[in-house]
């Protein structure tokens, strides 16, 4: 039997009424608005995931546990290390303590303090001072070389005092956050850095949530290191689009 005249997908009932198959029924205004909204939301989410998150440029403070580094739970002005302790300072750009770069030298007390014999009435604190890489340096500055030092200080000396004995001049801000070690960097203190990869600064009065005066952290690097969207974000976008498609399909079935 020859199909009735009309557009593709049309058919007629015995009474002569024209029916359209669900695949060709035009979208109603509410459904069109829903699809536009879902697509716009997906584009926003994808754009947010593709942009590199902003970070902070600062000296982070670490403690050696014999084999690895752990992000310090107290600031250097409060912590009073025992004899034989290894502590590290690393200058870098990071979002928070979980994303912070560790010192690039193992926390080896024996190697660092091998030429500094123990002495009565003092303690030895091994220090790793890592100014980081050129990529993390402020504009116009070059980081000095990584170095180690064995501070021999009074038994009740703080970590900040041990550092000052081998790495002056130090610079602090009003909250006792270390801004510079051995004069590096010359300016700045925990400033926010834009996430566009050009190292530019953003205007911000906030400081890192967990710099050298952090309250708690582990030393692991939990970041993926990439600037693309995460798996979770892509799954979320896919779920949004699937919900939109399901809504359109369901609405057409009811027509």
Protein backbone atom coordinates (compact mmCIF):
# COMPACT_ATOMS: atom_id res chain seq x y z
CA UNK A 1 0.00 0.00 0.00
CA UNK A 2 1.34 3.43 -0.96
CA UNK A 3 2.02 5.70 2.05
CA UNK A 4 -0.24 8.75 2.27
CA UNK A 5 1.14 12.01 0.99
CA UNK A 6 2.80 14.25 3.47
CA UNK A 7 6.07 14.75 5.30
CA UNK A 8 8.26 11.83 6.30
CA UNK A 9 7.04 10.01 9.37
CA UNK A 10 3.36 11.06 9.04
CA UNK A 11 0.50 8.52 8.99
CA UNK A 12 -3.27 8.78 8.98
CA UNK A 13 -5.91 7.04 11.07
CA UNK A 14 -9.02 5.55 9.49
CA UNK A 15 -10.86 8.74 10.34
CA UNK A 16 -8.34 10.71 8.30
CA UNK A 17 -6.55 12.40 11.23
CA UNK A 18 -2.86 12.98 10.70
CA UNK A 19 -0.47 11.54 13.29
CA UNK A 20 3.24 12.22 13.55
CA UNK A 21 5.70 9.71 14.88
CA UNK A 22 7.53 10.72 18.12
CA UNK A 23 10.80 11.09 16.22
CA UNK A 24 9.58 13.98 14.12
CA UNK A 25 7.21 15.81 16.47
CA UNK A 26 8.47 19.36 16.93
CA UNK A 27 9.80 20.32 20.35
CA UNK A 28 7.51 22.44 22.46
CA UNK A 29 8.78 25.73 23.85
CA UNK A 30 9.33 24.33 27.40
CA UNK A 31 11.38 21.42 26.05
CA UNK A 32 13.47 23.71 23.86
CA UNK A 33 14.12 25.92 26.88
CA UNK A 34 15.12 22.86 28.93
CA UNK A 35 17.62 21.70 26.34
CA UNK A 36 19.14 25.17 26.01
CA UNK A 37 19.51 25.40 29.79
CA UNK A 38 21.14 21.97 30.06
CA UNK A 39 23.59 22.68 27.26
CA UNK A 40 24.51 26.05 28.78
CA UNK A 41 25.06 24.46 32.20
CA UNK A 42 27.30 21.80 30.66
CA UNK A 43 29.36 24.44 28.87
CA UNK A 44 29.85 26.36 32.11
CA UNK A 45 30.89 23.23 34.00
CA UNK A 46 33.28 22.16 31.26
CA UNK A 47 34.83 25.62 31.13
CA UNK A 48 35.25 25.67 34.89
CA UNK A 49 36.95 22.28 34.81
CA UNK A 50 39.28 23.26 31.98
CA UNK A 51 40.60 26.35 33.76
CA UNK A 52 43.56 25.84 36.02
CA UNK A 53 42.72 26.67 39.63
CA UNK A 54 44.35 29.66 41.27
CA UNK A 55 47.05 29.07 43.87
CA UNK A 56 49.26 30.94 46.33
CA UNK A 57 52.98 31.63 46.24
CA UNK A 58 54.55 30.98 49.65
CA UNK A 59 57.08 29.11 51.79
CA UNK A 60 55.57 25.87 53.12
CA UNK A 61 56.93 24.23 56.26
CA UNK A 62 57.64 20.48 56.56
CA UNK A 63 58.85 17.94 59.12
CA UNK A 64 60.85 14.82 58.35
CA UNK A 65 59.62 11.54 59.83
CA UNK A 66 62.84 9.63 59.15
CA UNK A 67 61.97 8.66 55.57
CA UNK A 68 59.46 11.14 54.15
CA UNK A 69 58.19 14.68 54.54
CA UNK A 70 54.99 15.58 56.36
CA UNK A 71 53.34 19.00 56.21
CA UNK A 72 53.90 20.68 59.59
CA UNK A 73 50.89 21.03 61.89
CA UNK A 74 52.35 24.08 63.66
CA UNK A 75 54.11 27.17 62.41
CA UNK A 76 57.89 27.48 62.82
CA UNK A 77 57.54 30.22 65.44
CA UNK A 78 55.52 27.84 67.66
CA UNK A 79 57.22 24.50 67.06
CA UNK A 80 60.21 23.63 69.27
CA UNK A 81 61.95 20.68 67.64
CA UNK A 82 63.95 18.05 69.49
CA UNK A 83 67.63 17.36 68.91
CA UNK A 84 68.03 15.26 65.76
CA UNK A 85 64.97 16.70 64.02
CA UNK A 86 64.87 17.39 60.27
CA UNK A 87 62.74 20.24 58.97
CA UNK A 88 62.15 21.59 55.48
CA UNK A 89 61.04 24.81 53.82
CA UNK A 90 59.80 24.83 50.21
CA UNK A 91 58.87 27.86 48.11
CA UNK A 92 56.24 27.11 45.45
CA UNK A 93 52.80 27.92 44.11
CA UNK A 94 50.03 25.66 45.39
CA UNK A 95 46.33 25.76 46.17
CA UNK A 96 46.60 24.37 49.70
CA UNK A 97 48.55 21.96 51.90
CA UNK A 98 47.33 18.89 49.99
CA UNK A 99 48.66 20.41 46.76
CA UNK A 100 51.94 21.79 48.15
CA UNK A 101 55.30 20.67 46.74
CA UNK A 102 57.66 18.96 49.18
CA UNK A 103 61.35 19.85 49.60
CA UNK A 104 63.40 18.15 46.88
CA UNK A 105 65.94 16.64 49.27
CA UNK A 106 65.39 13.66 51.57
CA UNK A 107 65.06 14.38 55.31
CA UNK A 108 68.36 12.76 56.25
CA UNK A 109 69.66 14.10 59.58
CA UNK A 110 72.84 12.02 59.48
CA UNK A 111 73.91 13.38 56.11
CA UNK A 112 73.03 17.02 56.84
CA UNK A 113 74.58 17.23 60.30
CA UNK A 114 77.48 14.83 59.75
CA UNK A 115 80.08 17.58 60.12
CA UNK A 116 78.42 19.23 63.14
CA UNK A 117 79.27 17.30 66.33
CA UNK A 118 76.87 17.26 69.25
CA UNK A 119 77.61 19.76 72.01
CA UNK A 120 76.39 19.99 75.60
CA UNK A 121 73.79 22.67 76.21
CA UNK A 122 72.59 22.77 72.59
CA UNK A 123 70.62 20.80 70.06
CA UNK A 124 71.06 20.18 66.35
CA UNK A 125 68.27 20.70 63.83
CA UNK A 126 68.85 19.68 60.21
CA UNK A 127 67.26 22.05 57.69
CA UNK A 128 66.46 21.68 54.00
CA UNK A 129 65.84 25.06 52.37
CA UNK A 130 64.37 24.65 48.89
CA UNK A 131 63.57 27.92 47.05
CA UNK A 132 61.74 26.01 44.33
CA UNK A 133 61.81 26.32 40.55
CA UNK A 134 61.89 29.29 38.16
CA UNK A 135 58.25 28.57 37.28
CA UNK A 136 57.25 29.33 40.88
CA UNK A 137 59.44 32.42 41.22
CA UNK A 138 57.92 35.92 41.28
CA UNK A 139 58.33 37.95 38.10
CA UNK A 140 61.89 39.23 37.66
CA UNK A 141 63.44 36.89 40.27
CA UNK A 142 65.49 33.71 40.04
CA UNK A 143 65.37 31.20 42.91
CA UNK A 144 68.68 30.54 44.65
CA UNK A 145 70.02 27.01 44.81
CA UNK A 146 68.58 24.44 47.20
CA UNK A 147 70.77 24.06 50.27
CA UNK A 148 70.93 22.23 53.57
CA UNK A 149 72.23 23.42 56.93
CA UNK A 150 72.70 22.06 60.42
CA UNK A 151 71.52 24.59 63.00
CA UNK A 152 73.05 24.25 66.46
CA UNK A 153 70.85 26.21 68.85
CA UNK A 154 69.68 26.37 72.45
CA UNK A 155 67.62 23.40 73.69
CA UNK A 156 64.43 25.48 73.89
CA UNK A 157 64.85 27.23 70.51
CA UNK A 158 61.94 27.28 68.07
CA UNK A 159 62.12 26.18 64.46
CA UNK A 160 62.07 29.83 63.43
CA UNK A 161 65.10 30.52 65.64
CA UNK A 162 66.93 27.52 64.19
CA UNK A 163 66.20 28.80 60.68
CA UNK A 164 67.31 32.33 61.56
CA UNK A 165 70.65 31.03 62.81
CA UNK A 166 71.58 29.75 59.32
CA UNK A 167 69.40 31.59 56.77
CA UNK A 168 69.14 35.29 57.55
CA UNK A 169 67.55 37.60 56.65
CA UNK A 170 64.05 36.31 57.29
CA UNK A 171 60.93 38.32 56.55
CA UNK A 172 57.55 37.77 58.22
CA UNK A 173 54.11 39.31 57.90
CA UNK A 174 51.89 40.42 60.78
CA UNK A 175 50.45 36.91 61.21
CA UNK A 176 53.94 35.36 61.67
CA UNK A 177 53.87 33.79 58.23
CA UNK A 178 57.32 33.44 56.67
CA UNK A 179 57.53 35.68 53.61
CA UNK A 180 61.23 35.37 52.72
CA UNK A 181 64.19 33.16 53.66
CA UNK A 182 67.70 34.48 53.05
CA UNK A 183 66.03 37.46 51.39
CA UNK A 184 64.10 35.37 48.84
CA UNK A 185 61.75 36.47 47.47
CA UNK A 186 62.40 40.20 47.69
CA UNK A 187 58.72 41.12 47.79
CA UNK A 188 55.35 39.50 48.28
CA UNK A 189 53.93 37.22 50.93
CA UNK A 190 51.45 34.46 50.21
CA UNK A 191 49.89 36.37 47.32
CA UNK A 192 47.28 34.74 45.13
CA UNK A 193 48.43 33.74 41.67
CA UNK A 194 46.08 33.53 38.70
CA UNK A 195 45.25 30.15 37.25
CA UNK A 196 45.84 31.03 33.59
CA UNK A 197 49.37 29.66 33.58
CA UNK A 198 51.12 33.00 33.05
CA UNK A 199 52.13 33.47 36.67
CA UNK A 200 50.24 36.76 36.91
CA UNK A 201 48.83 37.94 40.21
CA UNK A 202 45.25 38.49 41.15
CA UNK A 203 44.19 41.16 43.58
CA UNK A 204 43.34 39.36 46.79
CA UNK A 205 43.63 40.06 50.48
CA UNK A 206 43.41 36.37 51.36
CA UNK A 207 46.43 34.29 52.30
CA UNK A 208 46.99 30.56 51.81
CA UNK A 209 44.66 28.47 53.93
CA UNK A 210 47.52 26.26 55.03
CA UNK A 211 50.94 27.92 54.66
CA UNK A 212 53.81 27.56 57.11
CA UNK A 213 51.44 28.42 59.95
CA UNK A 214 48.96 25.74 58.91
CA UNK A 215 46.71 24.04 61.45
CA UNK A 216 46.72 20.57 59.88
CA UNK A 217 47.66 18.67 56.72
CA UNK A 218 49.26 15.56 55.35
CA UNK A 219 52.29 15.78 53.12
CA UNK A 220 50.88 13.89 50.17
CA UNK A 221 50.39 15.53 46.83
CA UNK A 222 46.77 14.80 45.98
CA UNK A 223 46.58 16.82 42.81
CA UNK A 224 46.48 15.38 39.35
CA UNK A 225 48.74 18.11 38.02
CA UNK A 226 46.67 18.59 34.86
CA UNK A 227 44.62 21.56 33.85
CA UNK A 228 41.81 19.59 32.17
CA UNK A 229 38.44 18.64 33.63
CA UNK A 230 38.38 15.87 36.20
CA UNK A 231 36.70 12.52 35.68
CA UNK A 232 34.03 13.44 38.20
CA UNK A 233 33.23 16.63 36.33
CA UNK A 234 32.89 14.82 33.00
CA UNK A 235 30.62 12.22 34.62
CA UNK A 236 28.48 15.01 36.02
CA UNK A 237 28.19 16.70 32.62
CA UNK A 238 27.22 13.38 31.03
CA UNK A 239 24.56 12.82 33.69
CA UNK A 240 23.08 16.26 33.05
CA UNK A 241 22.89 15.63 29.31
CA UNK A 242 21.38 12.17 29.81
CA UNK A 243 18.69 13.62 32.05
CA UNK A 244 17.87 16.17 29.37
CA UNK A 245 17.63 13.52 26.65
CA UNK A 246 15.46 11.33 28.88
CA UNK A 247 13.13 14.23 29.61
CA UNK A 248 12.70 14.99 25.90
CA UNK A 249 12.11 11.33 25.04
CA UNK A 250 9.55 10.92 27.82
CA UNK A 251 7.72 14.07 26.76
CA UNK A 252 7.51 12.85 23.16
CA UNK A 253 6.18 9.48 24.21
CA UNK A 254 3.31 11.17 26.00
CA UNK A 255 2.26 13.11 22.89
